[in-house]
């Protein structure tokens, strides 16, 4: 079924959004096509037409590619390996135990080295191709689609090589954008959900089998018929209330939306103050907190990965924190291997139609 998503956006959006929509529409004709990959089944714009889309985006380069469906890398790990356990800010080349996954900003000059190093240790990597919010805003601090696309397009010459890492499971997911609905990150104007979905659409045109995620909890993603977003991200901090209740409500919301779910902790700025490290309202967590909150999150079988914020040696190298992280890594290894790409809900089926 061929369709474009722009007619659903309505007229009441700011001028930058309209301009970006028209820019993207000029290069995209989305075809909803069920596709099977590392994360299960999802819609990919396999028939999309892009003026700058290299043929290598369709055919991964180099070597024999492992099965992305039934092999041991389903959902980023074998049944014995559980789910990926990672942290922000630690690139693939510098990944150290107990972490089996990394979330990093990709750089054209080093991403292939990072992925090769991660593959060598059977680790998983989530990347942000565009980078942080300062890289994709205009002079007024508002989201700038052209800046975002320009950052992503830096990787066009290596799309084929990157897709090979998608196929073998090393390149686990792509972060479309972080906290798109937090007004103070975007000059007082949150990014519309329709725009976030369009950004996912563009990533899918280059990386059809790569799962897309966003730095937003499932409860903030409700009320929109997502087509190009696969995974929500629920990051817990003590100020968000009881961890068990948070974990349950976010897992329920993700299931209702037909989205996979990455969970994690804000280790460096999400504590309750008992550590005495950090600043008021931005305390780092103690080892006790990490253990308590982390096990509450991992009690949900729906989780497909556990990736926390962020790698700061002054925090993660504290003995109590290091011990707690090792404990959670062991628990993640025993967690049921869960697909990040979900199917079966009404919302997911809409993406497959």
Foldseek 3Di string as FASTA:
>chain_A
DWDDDVVVPDDPDDPLVVVLVVVLVVAWTADFAWDQFLQGIAGFRPVIGGPLADPLLVAADDDDFDASHPDQCRLHGHQLQFFFEAFEPQFQQRDDPPGQEYEYEDDQVCNLVRLVSSVVVSGAYEYEQLDAQVQQADPLQAGHSVSSVVSNCVCNVPLNNVLSSRRNNRHAAYALYEPQQPLVNGNNDRDDPVVSLSSLNVVSSSRVRHAYEYNAFLVVNPDDLRQRHAAYEAEDAVVVDDLLVSLVVRLVSCVQQQFAYEYEYAQQFRYPCPVVPDDVNGHGHFLVVLQRNLVSNLVDLRHSHYYYYHDDCVRCVDVSNVVSSNVSSVSSSNRGNHRRGGDDHPSRVVSND
